[in-house]
Structures are given as C-alpha cells and as structure tokens.
C-alpha cells in the first residue's frame, strides 16, 4: 500500500535519577557521599532509508518512545544511558510541526534528524560535595521529557513529472517510455497514487513521475489536487500533458486546458510555477486534420515559449523526440545544479545530520505571565532546575534556592518592575521575592 502522509507521536527517554548513598571509611565512623548520577535518556532519530518506499508502516504504529536512562548506583556508579530509537522513513520525507512549519527535509537516503533529545541524568549526592556541604543527603531527579506530535509527508523525487487533466494519457505515456506498469483505463482518476518510471537514454537514465490527474481548483484540494501536487515540487522539469482529442471538437479548448494547468501550478507554489517545462499534445493518432494540429502547436509554442511535442502514447509516434527533449532539459538542470556524474553520486551518499536543538538565547530569555496575585516565570533553564529538584527534601530545596540566587533571577525580576514580597511561580516551586 502506498501512503504518503502520516502523523506520529514521539518521546525521547527520561533521564535517570541520581542516587543518594554513603559508605563508611574503614576504622572510623566517617561517611563519604557515594551516590552516582543517572544516565541520559535515549534520543529519537528519524532516518531516511533506501529500503522503504512508503509511510504505510505508520498506519498502525504511531507512538514511538526511546528508552529511559537508568538511575545512578552506589559507589559513584553512573546509570546506563537509554538506547536511542531510530525511526526509518523513505527518502523524500518532509517533517512538519503542528503549525505546518517544516522541521527538516530528508530528501535522500542517509539523511537523519535528532527529532527529540533524551533527558539529562540527575546528579547523585557525590556530585554536590563542597567545602560548605560535605555530606549532602540529596540527589537530583532525572530530566523528564515531553511527548509531541509531528507530521510526515512523503514527496517523491523524480527528474521530471507528467502533469495534466484526468484521462489525458499520462499513465499510458509512462508505460511506453519506461518499465512502469500503472493502472490504465478510459475513465478519469484511474491513477490515484503517483507512479515512477526510469527512462534509459544513450547509456544514461532519468526518473519520470506520473502524477494523478488534476482538475480546476486543485491548488485548494479539489480532486485531492493539493495531495498530488506536492509530489511535483521535487521534480526538476515538468511535462504538461494535453489531451489532443479536444482539438477535434474545439480549437480553443486545449489552449484553455493549458492555461488552467499553469494557473493551478502558480496558485499552489510559485517556485513550482517557475520550473522549466515542455508541453505534450497526446492522442494525435486521433487527429486527421494536420493543419488544425499545427495551428494549435504554434499557439501553444507562442504562449509557453517552450517546445511542444505532438505524441501518441498508443502508436508511439513522437515519443522518441519527446524523450530526448525532456532529457536535454533534465541534463541541463543537473549540470547547472552541480549534480552530474560522480558529483551527484557523492552527494546522494553523503549523510547529513539535522537537529531540532538550535543554539539561541532561549535559555536566558525570561517570560513573565501575571496570574492573579502571582507571577509565573517561563524560562527553560530555571524550569529544568526546579523539575530536577526533589522539593520534598529540605536540603535539596535549600540548594535550589541558593542556585536560583546565583543566577541573579531576583535582580532581573526587580528590574522588570516586580516588587519585593510578590509571589513567584517557577514550575512546581512557589516562593516570595526577597533580597
């Protein structure tokens, strides 16, 4: 089954808890803190793999969680790190957040993204030993991570795409010029999923996609047009296929079809509209009036300022010339974008790693939300400090208050106009602002 959209829930592993432990030295009663730190939680990695061609595997399984880190142990032994979870997707998969913004484009096999980083492990009590705190009886809680949803969208990678109205003969064309065998019938919307075919030319090859038929309003989703058009976005060249049978009855009808297709592409994506293209007039074996065909051909050449190829997918007439014309544009695109020959092979075999974690000033940015008589502080660094503190442990809470004081948070809040004695909330911690 071909599936080109999926929504999955991911969660990285929680960090392991730190341990509070002591051991007594020989010959004395002196105890030494020996609690180890917890291990880091596993990351969630999404990787594009060549052996997968569809998102169908996500139809039944949608929840993915990496392994939690293990808790620290006595004698300063650190807990084991949680195993990373690798989610395999097809090359050409785009990752989107719930707002529809792109997270990453895994456009070829080998690319991957760390979509969720595992939580850090909590420190054991041995990590808190200092001159002022010789026997700490507390440890940190491992960092808890949040789950979230992401959208996967598969966009097929083809050098050229056949675009046209339903029943214009795209599937027959791709079956004649490649080894692809799509479903073919004489009624609209026979093709419901894109088909790929490899076309051999003079010892080289290029990939052609047969995109399901479009109708007017496709850019808004009519006839599932928006679902189909996304597969065209990766193509270097477009081949606009027109139904030559329309010429028999009305000369202007086929020109209007061309105008509608170009407008739908423009409304869907301006970058797609700017891509180079050729025009095919299919089913010319049905046209007996060659003068009428030539007039239409000249009109389309003038409007498009592109090559127009009269072809017959049934008899094979004109297909050879069309293949060479299409390949010429594909080859020119490859050379212009530096993807020809060995350079292209090296690029496709290169692994790139993305990360959703971006270096920014987000950790130092403080957001203040007034909720009644309370001021709720939003800051990732401070919230994590509170979340990893065992606030039921008086000694741990005392350490947290000293740590918050060292950050200068009180001074920063006063600079923002919050008065002394005001109630401050950071995560689960509620306290009064003071000197």
Foldseek 3Di string as FASTA:
>chain_A
DAAFKAKAKEWWAWWAWWAWDWDADPPDRDIATFIAWWAWTAFEKEFAAAVADHPVVCPPPRYYYWHYTHYTDGRHRYTHYTHHHYHYDHAQKWKAFPVRHTLDGNNFGQAMEREGTTWHIKGYPNVVDDPVPHRDRDIWHTGGIDMGMMMIGGAAAFQEEEAFAFQLCLQLLLVQQFVKHADDDNDGQSDPQKTKGWGDDPNDITIYIYFHGDDQVLLVCVVHSLSRVSNLVNHQEYEYGFRLVVLVPPLCPRVVRVVRRLVSQCSNDVVSSPHHYEYEHEPCVVPPDVVSVVVSLVVCCVVRVHHYFYAYSVVGPRSVVVVVRSVVSSVVSCVVVVLDDPSVVVVNPDYDYHYSDDDDCQQVDWDWDDDPQEIEIDHVVLLSLVNGFPCVDVSSVVVNVVVVVVVVVLVVVVVVPDDFQGWYDRHPDIDTRDD
